[in-house]
Amino acid sequence: MDAVRGGAWRRTMTPRLYVIGLVVENMAASLAFYRRLGLAIPPEADAEVHVEAPLPGGLRLAWDTIDVIRSFDLHWTPPAGGHRISLAFARLPAT
């Protein structure tokens, strides 16, 4: 029985939502939208291919261009229906 099925991972980490990732075609347009919502994102970020902004409670919002995603997943294609949000969890010590 491996560690996951055996439950060992439950004793060594507690999942915590850490990053919400957005895949964007137009970084500047996406960042402009989130600035209108009140996020403090510097104007020079418009030219970047990866951007992160802290949110309350330690959560981060991240934007990546399609080219960045394809740099580590050559066969990535946009999902049908247009949804482009991913979730990432940080590993915390067990309490």
C-alpha atoms as a PDB file:
ATOM      1  CA  MET A   1       0.000   0.000   0.000  1.00  0.00           C
ATOM      2  CA  ASP A   2       1.491   3.339  -0.977  1.00  0.00           C
ATOM      3  CA  ALA A   3       1.734   6.364   1.315  1.00  0.00           C
ATOM      4  CA  VAL A   4      -1.322   8.109  -0.155  1.00  0.00           C
ATOM      5  CA  ARG A   5      -3.683   5.191   0.192  1.00  0.00           C
ATOM      6  CA  GLY A   6      -2.155   4.333   3.550  1.00  0.00           C
ATOM      7  CA  GLY A   7      -2.953   7.780   4.861  1.00  0.00           C
ATOM      8  CA  ALA A   8       0.649   8.825   5.624  1.00  0.00           C
ATOM      9  CA  TRP A   9       0.185  12.067   3.676  1.00  0.00           C
ATOM     10  CA  ARG A  10      -2.608  13.040   6.069  1.00  0.00           C
ATOM     11  CA  ARG A  11      -0.163  13.019   8.965  1.00  0.00           C
ATOM     12  CA  THR A  12       2.485  15.089   7.182  1.00  0.00           C
ATOM     13  CA  MET A  13       0.534  17.899   5.517  1.00  0.00           C
ATOM     14  CA  THR A  14      -2.622  19.934   5.590  1.00  0.00           C
ATOM     15  CA  PRO A  15      -3.741  21.251   2.180  1.00  0.00           C
ATOM     16  CA  ARG A  16      -4.402  24.979   2.045  1.00  0.00           C
ATOM     17  CA  LEU A  17      -5.633  26.927  -0.965  1.00  0.00           C
ATOM     18  CA  TYR A  18      -2.612  28.987  -1.954  1.00  0.00           C
ATOM     19  CA  VAL A  19      -2.912  30.213  -5.553  1.00  0.00           C
ATOM     20  CA  ILE A  20      -5.692  30.823  -8.020  1.00  0.00           C
ATOM     21  CA  GLY A  21      -4.151  30.777 -11.484  1.00  0.00           C
ATOM     22  CA  LEU A  22      -5.604  32.392 -14.575  1.00  0.00           C
ATOM     23  CA  VAL A  23      -4.424  31.606 -18.108  1.00  0.00           C
ATOM     24  CA  VAL A  24      -4.797  34.696 -20.240  1.00  0.00           C
ATOM     25  CA  GLU A  25      -4.456  35.622 -23.898  1.00  0.00           C
ATOM     26  CA  ASN A  26      -4.095  39.331 -23.167  1.00  0.00           C
ATOM     27  CA  MET A  27      -2.190  40.076 -19.954  1.00  0.00           C
ATOM     28  CA  ALA A  28      -2.737  43.851 -20.064  1.00  0.00           C
ATOM     29  CA  ALA A  29      -6.500  43.564 -20.533  1.00  0.00           C
ATOM     30  CA  SER A  30      -6.848  41.003 -17.764  1.00  0.00           C
ATOM     31  CA  LEU A  31      -4.768  43.030 -15.313  1.00  0.00           C
ATOM     32  CA  ALA A  32      -6.744  46.178 -16.166  1.00  0.00           C
ATOM     33  CA  PHE A  33      -9.946  44.364 -15.198  1.00  0.00           C
ATOM     34  CA  TYR A  34      -8.535  43.291 -11.827  1.00  0.00           C
ATOM     35  CA  ARG A  35      -7.166  46.779 -11.168  1.00  0.00           C
ATOM     36  CA  ARG A  36     -10.729  48.082 -11.606  1.00  0.00           C
ATOM     37  CA  LEU A  37     -11.720  45.595  -8.893  1.00  0.00           C
ATOM     38  CA  GLY A  38      -9.166  47.183  -6.566  1.00  0.00           C
ATOM     39  CA  LEU A  39      -6.055  44.990  -6.837  1.00  0.00           C
ATOM     40  CA  ALA A  40      -2.791  46.904  -6.667  1.00  0.00           C
ATOM     41  CA  ILE A  41      -0.945  45.656  -9.736  1.00  0.00           C
ATOM     42  CA  PRO A  42       1.874  47.833 -11.067  1.00  0.00           C
ATOM     43  CA  PRO A  43       1.500  49.074 -14.668  1.00  0.00           C
ATOM     44  CA  GLU A  44       4.795  47.468 -15.730  1.00  0.00           C
ATOM     45  CA  ALA A  45       3.235  44.047 -15.045  1.00  0.00           C
ATOM     46  CA  ASP A  46       1.227  44.449 -18.278  1.00  0.00           C
ATOM     47  CA  ALA A  47       4.313  43.397 -20.262  1.00  0.00           C
ATOM     48  CA  GLU A  48       5.091  40.311 -18.142  1.00  0.00           C
ATOM     49  CA  VAL A  49       4.216  36.703 -18.990  1.00  0.00           C
ATOM     50  CA  HIS A  50       3.633  35.731 -15.315  1.00  0.00           C
ATOM     51  CA  VAL A  51       2.190  38.046 -12.657  1.00  0.00           C
ATOM     52  CA  GLU A  52       1.128  37.443  -9.054  1.00  0.00           C
ATOM     53  CA  ALA A  53      -0.830  39.622  -6.640  1.00  0.00           C
ATOM     54  CA  PRO A  54      -1.399  38.928  -2.947  1.00  0.00           C
ATOM     55  CA  LEU A  55      -4.956  38.653  -1.691  1.00  0.00           C
ATOM     56  CA  PRO A  56      -6.240  38.881   1.890  1.00  0.00           C
ATOM     57  CA  GLY A  57      -5.529  35.860   4.050  1.00  0.00           C
ATOM     58  CA  GLY A  58      -2.362  34.837   2.204  1.00  0.00           C
ATOM     59  CA  LEU A  59      -4.058  33.696  -0.995  1.00  0.00           C
ATOM     60  CA  ARG A  60      -2.412  34.766  -4.260  1.00  0.00           C
ATOM     61  CA  LEU A  61      -3.919  35.437  -7.660  1.00  0.00           C
ATOM     62  CA  ALA A  62      -1.603  34.561 -10.562  1.00  0.00           C
ATOM     63  CA  TRP A  63      -1.829  35.210 -14.284  1.00  0.00           C
ATOM     64  CA  ASP A  64       0.082  33.281 -16.930  1.00  0.00           C
ATOM     65  CA  THR A  65       0.062  33.707 -20.671  1.00  0.00           C
ATOM     66  CA  ILE A  66      -0.737  30.731 -22.857  1.00  0.00           C
ATOM     67  CA  ASP A  67       2.934  30.634 -23.906  1.00  0.00           C
ATOM     68  CA  VAL A  68       4.013  30.189 -20.275  1.00  0.00           C
ATOM     69  CA  ILE A  69       1.619  27.276 -19.814  1.00  0.00           C
ATOM     70  CA  ARG A  70       2.843  25.675 -23.032  1.00  0.00           C
ATOM     71  CA  SER A  71       6.453  26.045 -21.833  1.00  0.00           C
ATOM     72  CA  PHE A  72       5.827  23.171 -19.419  1.00  0.00           C
ATOM     73  CA  ASP A  73       2.855  21.494 -21.131  1.00  0.00           C
ATOM     74  CA  LEU A  74       3.469  21.474 -24.874  1.00  0.00           C
ATOM     75  CA  HIS A  75       0.080  19.952 -25.648  1.00  0.00           C
ATOM     76  CA  TRP A  76      -2.005  22.331 -23.508  1.00  0.00           C
ATOM     77  CA  THR A  77      -5.094  23.665 -25.226  1.00  0.00           C
ATOM     78  CA  PRO A  78      -7.699  26.028 -23.812  1.00  0.00           C
ATOM     79  CA  PRO A  79     -10.547  24.119 -22.179  1.00  0.00           C
ATOM     80  CA  ALA A  80     -13.829  23.939 -24.037  1.00  0.00           C
ATOM     81  CA  GLY A  81     -16.221  26.512 -22.644  1.00  0.00           C
ATOM     82  CA  GLY A  82     -13.524  29.068 -21.823  1.00  0.00           C
ATOM     83  CA  HIS A  83     -12.816  28.206 -18.163  1.00  0.00           C
ATOM     84  CA  ARG A  84      -9.143  28.864 -17.396  1.00  0.00           C
ATOM     85  CA  ILE A  85      -8.792  28.804 -13.626  1.00  0.00           C
ATOM     86  CA  SER A  86      -6.530  26.433 -11.714  1.00  0.00           C
ATOM     87  CA  LEU A  87      -6.019  25.905  -7.989  1.00  0.00           C
ATOM     88  CA  ALA A  88      -2.770  25.184  -6.125  1.00  0.00           C
ATOM     89  CA  PHE A  89      -2.341  24.111  -2.532  1.00  0.00           C
ATOM     90  CA  ALA A  90       0.573  24.768  -0.189  1.00  0.00           C
ATOM     91  CA  ARG A  91       1.849  22.030   2.079  1.00  0.00           C
ATOM     92  CA  LEU A  92       1.617  23.024   5.752  1.00  0.00           C
ATOM     93  CA  PRO A  93       2.992  21.087   8.677  1.00  0.00           C
ATOM     94  CA  ALA A  94       0.425  18.884  10.412  1.00  0.00           C
ATOM     95  CA  THR A  95      -0.936  20.277  13.647  1.00  0.00           C
END
